[in-house]
Amino acid sequence: MAQIYINPTTGNDSASGTSTAPFKTITNALKQAQADTTIQLSPGNYSSSSGEVFHLQVPSKVKILGNEANKGNGILIQ
């Protein structure tokens, strides 16, 4: 199972999408994601001002997760 990391504050959509070099946007991660990929969100605001292009469509068999320990607290998609 592949994993893609995103951080709206320190990420860069030209990065590799790893935990040490996360993407900036969910939009870019969705373009890279294939079946059985998990997209891991870091806390922060995901909005058009941070580079998101809405409407987001999550492909089949792709998961988007926040911090499961705190139920995604601190993550805002608007």
PDB file of N, CA and C in Angstrom:
ATOM      1  N   MET A   1       0.843  -1.189   0.000  1.00  0.00           N
ATOM      2  CA  MET A   1       0.000   0.000   0.000  1.00  0.00           C
ATOM      3  C   MET A   1       0.883   1.245   0.000  1.00  0.00           C
ATOM      4  N   ALA A   2       0.645   2.124  -0.926  1.00  0.00           N
ATOM      5  CA  ALA A   2       1.398   3.382  -1.032  1.00  0.00           C
ATOM      6  C   ALA A   2       0.852   4.408  -0.036  1.00  0.00           C
ATOM      7  N   GLN A   3       1.713   5.303   0.392  1.00  0.00           N
ATOM      8  CA  GLN A   3       1.303   6.373   1.294  1.00  0.00           C
ATOM      9  C   GLN A   3       1.840   7.693   0.760  1.00  0.00           C
ATOM     10  N   ILE A   4       0.967   8.709   0.748  1.00  0.00           N
ATOM     11  CA  ILE A   4       1.331  10.063   0.337  1.00  0.00           C
ATOM     12  C   ILE A   4       1.066  10.987   1.517  1.00  0.00           C
ATOM     13  N   TYR A   5       2.018  11.856   1.799  1.00  0.00           N
ATOM     14  CA  TYR A   5       1.892  12.793   2.913  1.00  0.00           C
ATOM     15  C   TYR A   5       1.673  14.208   2.388  1.00  0.00           C
ATOM     16  N   ILE A   6       0.851  14.966   3.136  1.00  0.00           N
ATOM     17  CA  ILE A   6       0.548  16.342   2.763  1.00  0.00           C
ATOM     18  C   ILE A   6       0.689  17.239   3.984  1.00  0.00           C
ATOM     19  N   ASN A   7       1.268  18.415   3.765  1.00  0.00           N
ATOM     20  CA  ASN A   7       1.346  19.429   4.816  1.00  0.00           C
ATOM     21  C   ASN A   7       1.076  20.781   4.162  1.00  0.00           C
ATOM     22  N   PRO A   8      -0.076  21.414   4.478  1.00  0.00           N
ATOM     23  CA  PRO A   8      -0.433  22.666   3.806  1.00  0.00           C
ATOM     24  C   PRO A   8       0.460  23.847   4.183  1.00  0.00           C
ATOM     25  N   THR A   9       1.249  23.706   5.240  1.00  0.00           N
ATOM     26  CA  THR A   9       2.111  24.795   5.689  1.00  0.00           C
ATOM     27  C   THR A   9       3.529  24.666   5.132  1.00  0.00           C
ATOM     28  N   THR A  10       4.128  23.490   5.278  1.00  0.00           N
ATOM     29  CA  THR A  10       5.528  23.311   4.883  1.00  0.00           C
ATOM     30  C   THR A  10       5.704  22.479   3.619  1.00  0.00           C
ATOM     31  N   GLY A  11       4.611  21.923   3.086  1.00  0.00           N
ATOM     32  CA  GLY A  11       4.717  21.062   1.914  1.00  0.00           C
ATOM     33  C   GLY A  11       4.993  21.822   0.631  1.00  0.00           C
ATOM     34  N   ASN A  12       5.313  21.049  -0.410  1.00  0.00           N
ATOM     35  CA  ASN A  12       5.607  21.605  -1.725  1.00  0.00           C
ATOM     36  C   ASN A  12       5.116  20.595  -2.761  1.00  0.00           C
ATOM     37  N   ASP A  13       4.275  21.020  -3.674  1.00  0.00           N
ATOM     38  CA  ASP A  13       3.730  20.088  -4.661  1.00  0.00           C
ATOM     39  C   ASP A  13       4.768  19.584  -5.654  1.00  0.00           C
ATOM     40  N   SER A  14       5.973  20.133  -5.607  1.00  0.00           N
ATOM     41  CA  SER A  14       7.075  19.607  -6.420  1.00  0.00           C
ATOM     42  C   SER A  14       7.902  18.582  -5.647  1.00  0.00           C
ATOM     43  N   ALA A  15       7.565  18.365  -4.383  1.00  0.00           N
ATOM     44  CA  ALA A  15       8.288  17.405  -3.544  1.00  0.00           C
ATOM     45  C   ALA A  15       7.877  15.983  -3.923  1.00  0.00           C
ATOM     46  N   SER A  16       8.358  15.015  -3.159  1.00  0.00           N
ATOM     47  CA  SER A  16       8.094  13.610  -3.476  1.00  0.00           C
ATOM     48  C   SER A  16       6.855  13.034  -2.790  1.00  0.00           C
ATOM     49  N   GLY A  17       6.266  13.770  -1.828  1.00  0.00           N
ATOM     50  CA  GLY A  17       5.067  13.280  -1.143  1.00  0.00           C
ATOM     51  C   GLY A  17       5.366  12.303  -0.021  1.00  0.00           C
ATOM     52  N   THR A  18       6.617  12.274   0.430  1.00  0.00           N
ATOM     53  CA  THR A  18       6.999  11.411   1.547  1.00  0.00           C
ATOM     54  C   THR A  18       6.794  12.152   2.869  1.00  0.00           C
ATOM     55  N   SER A  19       7.000  11.447   3.971  1.00  0.00           N
ATOM     56  CA  SER A  19       6.820  12.089   5.276  1.00  0.00           C
ATOM     57  C   SER A  19       7.842  13.210   5.499  1.00  0.00           C
ATOM     58  N   THR A  20       9.017  13.101   4.911  1.00  0.00           N
ATOM     59  CA  THR A  20      10.030  14.141   5.071  1.00  0.00           C
ATOM     60  C   THR A  20       9.984  15.196   3.972  1.00  0.00           C
ATOM     61  N   ALA A  21       9.259  14.924   2.883  1.00  0.00           N
ATOM     62  CA  ALA A  21       9.108  15.880   1.772  1.00  0.00           C
ATOM     63  C   ALA A  21       7.655  15.828   1.283  1.00  0.00           C
ATOM     64  N   PRO A  22       6.717  16.320   2.123  1.00  0.00           N
ATOM     65  CA  PRO A  22       5.293  16.201   1.794  1.00  0.00           C
ATOM     66  C   PRO A  22       4.848  17.149   0.685  1.00  0.00           C
ATOM     67  N   PHE A  23       3.749  16.766   0.041  1.00  0.00           N
ATOM     68  CA  PHE A  23       3.075  17.661  -0.893  1.00  0.00           C
ATOM     69  C   PHE A  23       2.387  18.758  -0.095  1.00  0.00           C
ATOM     70  N   LYS A  24       1.997  19.833  -0.774  1.00  0.00           N
ATOM     71  CA  LYS A  24       1.280  20.942  -0.141  1.00  0.00           C
ATOM     72  C   LYS A  24      -0.234  20.751  -0.208  1.00  0.00           C
ATOM     73  N   THR A  25      -0.738  20.121  -1.297  1.00  0.00           N
ATOM     74  CA  THR A  25      -2.185  20.082  -1.501  1.00  0.00           C
ATOM     75  C   THR A  25      -2.747  18.671  -1.667  1.00  0.00           C
ATOM     76  N   ILE A  26      -3.986  18.526  -1.232  1.00  0.00           N
ATOM     77  CA  ILE A  26      -4.744  17.304  -1.471  1.00  0.00           C
ATOM     78  C   ILE A  26      -4.939  17.151  -2.973  1.00  0.00           C
ATOM     79  N   THR A  27      -5.175  18.261  -3.666  1.00  0.00           N
ATOM     80  CA  THR A  27      -5.384  18.261  -5.116  1.00  0.00           C
ATOM     81  C   THR A  27      -4.243  17.538  -5.827  1.00  0.00           C
ATOM     82  N   ASN A  28      -3.015  17.872  -5.496  1.00  0.00           N
ATOM     83  CA  ASN A  28      -1.861  17.240  -6.134  1.00  0.00           C
ATOM     84  C   ASN A  28      -1.737  15.775  -5.725  1.00  0.00           C
ATOM     85  N   ALA A  29      -1.975  15.488  -4.460  1.00  0.00           N
ATOM     86  CA  ALA A  29      -1.883  14.101  -3.991  1.00  0.00           C
ATOM     87  C   ALA A  29      -2.894  13.216  -4.718  1.00  0.00           C
ATOM     88  N   LEU A  30      -4.100  13.728  -4.939  1.00  0.00           N
ATOM     89  CA  LEU A  30      -5.112  12.947  -5.649  1.00  0.00           C
ATOM     90  C   LEU A  30      -4.694  12.662  -7.088  1.00  0.00           C
ATOM     91  N   LYS A  31      -3.964  13.569  -7.703  1.00  0.00           N
ATOM     92  CA  LYS A  31      -3.465  13.341  -9.063  1.00  0.00           C
ATOM     93  C   LYS A  31      -2.440  12.210  -9.089  1.00  0.00           C
ATOM     94  N   GLN A  32      -1.690  12.045  -8.000  1.00  0.00           N
ATOM     95  CA  GLN A  32      -0.641  11.026  -7.918  1.00  0.00           C
ATOM     96  C   GLN A  32      -1.154   9.683  -7.412  1.00  0.00           C
ATOM     97  N   ALA A  33      -2.270   9.696  -6.688  1.00  0.00           N
ATOM     98  CA  ALA A  33      -2.760   8.500  -6.011  1.00  0.00           C
ATOM     99  C   ALA A  33      -3.285   7.455  -6.989  1.00  0.00           C
ATOM    100  N   GLN A  34      -2.966   6.209  -6.675  1.00  0.00           N
ATOM    101  CA  GLN A  34      -3.498   5.070  -7.406  1.00  0.00           C
ATOM    102  C   GLN A  34      -4.250   4.199  -6.416  1.00  0.00           C
ATOM    103  N   ALA A  35      -4.886   3.142  -6.880  1.00  0.00           N
ATOM    104  CA  ALA A  35      -5.629   2.237  -5.995  1.00  0.00           C
ATOM    105  C   ALA A  35      -4.740   1.792  -4.837  1.00  0.00           C
ATOM    106  N   ASP A  36      -5.336   1.675  -3.669  1.00  0.00           N
ATOM    107  CA  ASP A  36      -4.673   1.248  -2.437  1.00  0.00           C
ATOM    108  C   ASP A  36      -3.646   2.254  -1.923  1.00  0.00           C
ATOM    109  N   THR A  37      -3.864   3.529  -2.200  1.00  0.00           N
ATOM    110  CA  THR A  37      -3.022   4.603  -1.674  1.00  0.00           C
ATOM    111  C   THR A  37      -3.732   5.241  -0.486  1.00  0.00           C
ATOM    112  N   THR A  38      -2.967   5.560   0.557  1.00  0.00           N
ATOM    113  CA  THR A  38      -3.479   6.322   1.694  1.00  0.00           C
ATOM    114  C   THR A  38      -2.835   7.700   1.645  1.00  0.00           C
ATOM    115  N   ILE A  39      -3.659   8.734   1.715  1.00  0.00           N
ATOM    116  CA  ILE A  39      -3.189  10.112   1.755  1.00  0.00           C
ATOM    117  C   ILE A  39      -3.292  10.575   3.204  1.00  0.00           C
ATOM    118  N   GLN A  40      -2.150  10.906   3.797  1.00  0.00           N
ATOM    119  CA  GLN A  40      -2.087  11.296   5.204  1.00  0.00           C
ATOM    120  C   GLN A  40      -2.008  12.809   5.323  1.00  0.00           C
ATOM    121  N   LEU A  41      -3.024  13.408   5.973  1.00  0.00           N
ATOM    122  CA  LEU A  41      -3.078  14.857   6.143  1.00  0.00           C
ATOM    123  C   LEU A  41      -2.401  15.287   7.435  1.00  0.00           C
ATOM    124  N   SER A  42      -1.601  16.335   7.365  1.00  0.00           N
ATOM    125  CA  SER A  42      -1.051  16.984   8.555  1.00  0.00           C
ATOM    126  C   SER A  42      -2.048  18.043   9.009  1.00  0.00           C
ATOM    127  N   PRO A  43      -2.002  18.432  10.274  1.00  0.00           N
ATOM    128  CA  PRO A  43      -2.884  19.512  10.720  1.00  0.00           C
ATOM    129  C   PRO A  43      -2.663  20.779   9.902  1.00  0.00           C
ATOM    130  N   GLY A  44      -3.733  21.521   9.694  1.00  0.00           N
ATOM    131  CA  GLY A  44      -3.669  22.774   8.965  1.00  0.00           C
ATOM    132  C   GLY A  44      -4.956  23.032   8.210  1.00  0.00           C
ATOM    133  N   ASN A  45      -4.984  24.135   7.488  1.00  0.00           N
ATOM    134  CA  ASN A  45      -6.150  24.520   6.694  1.00  0.00           C
ATOM    135  C   ASN A  45      -5.895  24.200   5.229  1.00  0.00           C
ATOM    136  N   TYR A  46      -6.804  23.456   4.655  1.00  0.00           N
ATOM    137  CA  TYR A  46      -6.750  23.091   3.245  1.00  0.00           C
ATOM    138  C   TYR A  46      -7.860  23.876   2.552  1.00  0.00           C
ATOM    139  N   SER A  47      -7.485  24.892   1.787  1.00  0.00           N
ATOM    140  CA  SER A  47      -8.467  25.775   1.161  1.00  0.00           C
ATOM    141  C   SER A  47      -7.944  26.241  -0.189  1.00  0.00           C
ATOM    142  N   SER A  48      -8.765  26.995  -0.899  1.00  0.00           N
ATOM    143  CA  SER A  48      -8.310  27.528  -2.191  1.00  0.00           C
ATOM    144  C   SER A  48      -7.127  28.466  -1.998  1.00  0.00           C
ATOM    145  N   SER A  49      -7.056  29.148  -0.861  1.00  0.00           N
ATOM    146  CA  SER A  49      -5.918  30.045  -0.628  1.00  0.00           C
ATOM    147  C   SER A  49      -4.626  29.283  -0.352  1.00  0.00           C
ATOM    148  N   SER A  50      -4.730  28.006   0.039  1.00  0.00           N
ATOM    149  CA  SER A  50      -3.518  27.195   0.232  1.00  0.00           C
ATOM    150  C   SER A  50      -3.180  26.388  -1.019  1.00  0.00           C
ATOM    151  N   GLY A  51      -3.995  26.573  -2.081  1.00  0.00           N
ATOM    152  CA  GLY A  51      -3.691  25.926  -3.354  1.00  0.00           C
ATOM    153  C   GLY A  51      -4.640  24.830  -3.782  1.00  0.00           C
ATOM    154  N   GLU A  52      -5.632  24.529  -2.952  1.00  0.00           N
ATOM    155  CA  GLU A  52      -6.584  23.477  -3.331  1.00  0.00           C
ATOM    156  C   GLU A  52      -7.462  23.936  -4.488  1.00  0.00           C
ATOM    157  N   VAL A  53      -7.794  22.992  -5.345  1.00  0.00           N
ATOM    158  CA  VAL A  53      -8.721  23.238  -6.441  1.00  0.00           C
ATOM    159  C   VAL A  53      -9.939  22.361  -6.177  1.00  0.00           C
ATOM    160  N   PHE A  54     -11.048  23.005  -5.870  1.00  0.00           N
ATOM    161  CA  PHE A  54     -12.269  22.268  -5.526  1.00  0.00           C
ATOM    162  C   PHE A  54     -13.146  22.119  -6.749  1.00  0.00           C
ATOM    163  N   HIS A  55     -13.684  21.117  -6.833  1.00  0.00           N
ATOM    164  CA  HIS A  55     -14.262  20.026  -6.118  1.00  0.00           C
ATOM    165  C   HIS A  55     -13.284  18.876  -6.148  1.00  0.00           C
ATOM    166  N   LEU A  56     -13.022  18.302  -4.973  1.00  0.00           N
ATOM    167  CA  LEU A  56     -12.076  17.201  -4.848  1.00  0.00           C
ATOM    168  C   LEU A  56     -12.804  15.887  -5.082  1.00  0.00           C
ATOM    169  N   GLN A  57     -12.242  15.040  -5.932  1.00  0.00           N
ATOM    170  CA  GLN A  57     -12.821  13.719  -6.172  1.00  0.00           C
ATOM    171  C   GLN A  57     -11.803  12.671  -5.756  1.00  0.00           C
ATOM    172  N   VAL A  58     -12.193  11.838  -4.794  1.00  0.00           N
ATOM    173  CA  VAL A  58     -11.314  10.793  -4.295  1.00  0.00           C
ATOM    174  C   VAL A  58     -11.581   9.523  -5.107  1.00  0.00           C
ATOM    175  N   PRO A  59     -10.547   9.027  -5.798  1.00  0.00           N
ATOM    176  CA  PRO A  59     -10.727   7.816  -6.598  1.00  0.00           C
ATOM    177  C   PRO A  59     -11.074   6.596  -5.735  1.00  0.00           C
ATOM    178  N   SER A  60     -11.640   5.619  -6.358  1.00  0.00           N
ATOM    179  CA  SER A  60     -11.959   4.364  -5.694  1.00  0.00           C
ATOM    180  C   SER A  60     -10.692   3.750  -5.110  1.00  0.00           C
ATOM    181  N   LYS A  61     -10.804   3.201  -3.924  1.00  0.00           N
ATOM    182  CA  LYS A  61      -9.716   2.525  -3.215  1.00  0.00           C
ATOM    183  C   LYS A  61      -8.591   3.456  -2.777  1.00  0.00           C
ATOM    184  N   VAL A  62      -8.873   4.762  -2.661  1.00  0.00           N
ATOM    185  CA  VAL A  62      -7.926   5.731  -2.115  1.00  0.00           C
ATOM    186  C   VAL A  62      -8.530   6.251  -0.819  1.00  0.00           C
ATOM    187  N   LYS A  63      -7.721   6.299   0.250  1.00  0.00           N
ATOM    188  CA  LYS A  63      -8.185   6.792   1.549  1.00  0.00           C
ATOM    189  C   LYS A  63      -7.488   8.097   1.881  1.00  0.00           C
ATOM    190  N   ILE A  64      -8.224   9.005   2.531  1.00  0.00           N
ATOM    191  CA  ILE A  64      -7.641  10.237   3.061  1.00  0.00           C
ATOM    192  C   ILE A  64      -7.823  10.190   4.576  1.00  0.00           C
ATOM    193  N   LEU A  65      -6.713  10.290   5.301  1.00  0.00           N
ATOM    194  CA  LEU A  65      -6.756  10.184   6.758  1.00  0.00           C
ATOM    195  C   LEU A  65      -6.122  11.389   7.426  1.00  0.00           C
ATOM    196  N   GLY A  66      -6.686  11.763   8.562  1.00  0.00           N
ATOM    197  CA  GLY A  66      -6.054  12.732   9.448  1.00  0.00           C
ATOM    198  C   GLY A  66      -5.349  11.958  10.544  1.00  0.00           C
ATOM    199  N   ASN A  67      -5.029  12.613  11.625  1.00  0.00           N
ATOM    200  CA  ASN A  67      -4.418  11.944  12.764  1.00  0.00           C
ATOM    201  C   ASN A  67      -5.489  11.105  13.451  1.00  0.00           C
ATOM    202  N   GLU A  68      -5.368   9.794  13.359  1.00  0.00           N
ATOM    203  CA  GLU A  68      -6.396   8.917  13.919  1.00  0.00           C
ATOM    204  C   GLU A  68      -6.463   8.990  15.436  1.00  0.00           C
ATOM    205  N   ALA A  69      -5.346   9.303  16.087  1.00  0.00           N
ATOM    206  CA  ALA A  69      -5.327   9.371  17.544  1.00  0.00           C
ATOM    207  C   ALA A  69      -6.218  10.488  18.075  1.00  0.00           C
ATOM    208  N   ASN A  70      -6.288  11.614  17.327  1.00  0.00           N
ATOM    209  CA  ASN A  70      -7.139  12.723  17.802  1.00  0.00           C
ATOM    210  C   ASN A  70      -8.310  12.984  16.849  1.00  0.00           C
ATOM    211  N   LYS A  71      -8.628  11.983  16.040  1.00  0.00           N
ATOM    212  CA  LYS A  71      -9.791  12.039  15.136  1.00  0.00           C
ATOM    213  C   LYS A  71      -9.738  13.205  14.160  1.00  0.00           C
ATOM    214  N   GLY A  72      -8.523  13.564  13.724  1.00  0.00           N
ATOM    215  CA  GLY A  72      -8.384  14.618  12.712  1.00  0.00           C
ATOM    216  C   GLY A  72      -8.499  16.023  13.255  1.00  0.00           C
ATOM    217  N   ASN A  73      -8.479  16.177  14.573  1.00  0.00           N
ATOM    218  CA  ASN A  73      -8.578  17.506  15.172  1.00  0.00           C
ATOM    219  C   ASN A  73      -7.433  18.390  14.649  1.00  0.00           C
ATOM    220  N   GLY A  74      -7.743  19.618  14.237  1.00  0.00           N
ATOM    221  CA  GLY A  74      -6.738  20.541  13.732  1.00  0.00           C
ATOM    222  C   GLY A  74      -6.642  20.550  12.222  1.00  0.00           C
ATOM    223  N   ILE A  75      -7.469  19.744  11.566  1.00  0.00           N
ATOM    224  CA  ILE A  75      -7.496  19.701  10.094  1.00  0.00           C
ATOM    225  C   ILE A  75      -8.800  20.319   9.640  1.00  0.00           C
ATOM    226  N   LEU A  76      -8.694  21.310   8.752  1.00  0.00           N
ATOM    227  CA  LEU A  76      -9.880  21.983   8.217  1.00  0.00           C
ATOM    228  C   LEU A  76      -9.799  22.016   6.702  1.00  0.00           C
ATOM    229  N   ILE A  77     -10.796  21.436   6.065  1.00  0.00           N
ATOM    230  CA  ILE A  77     -10.902  21.492   4.601  1.00  0.00           C
ATOM    231  C   ILE A  77     -12.090  22.394   4.306  1.00  0.00           C
ATOM    232  N   GLN A  78     -11.801  23.522   3.646  1.00  0.00           N
ATOM    233  CA  GLN A  78     -12.893  24.470   3.359  1.00  0.00           C
ATOM    234  C   GLN A  78     -12.777  25.031   1.977  1.00  0.00           C
TER     235      GLN A  78
END
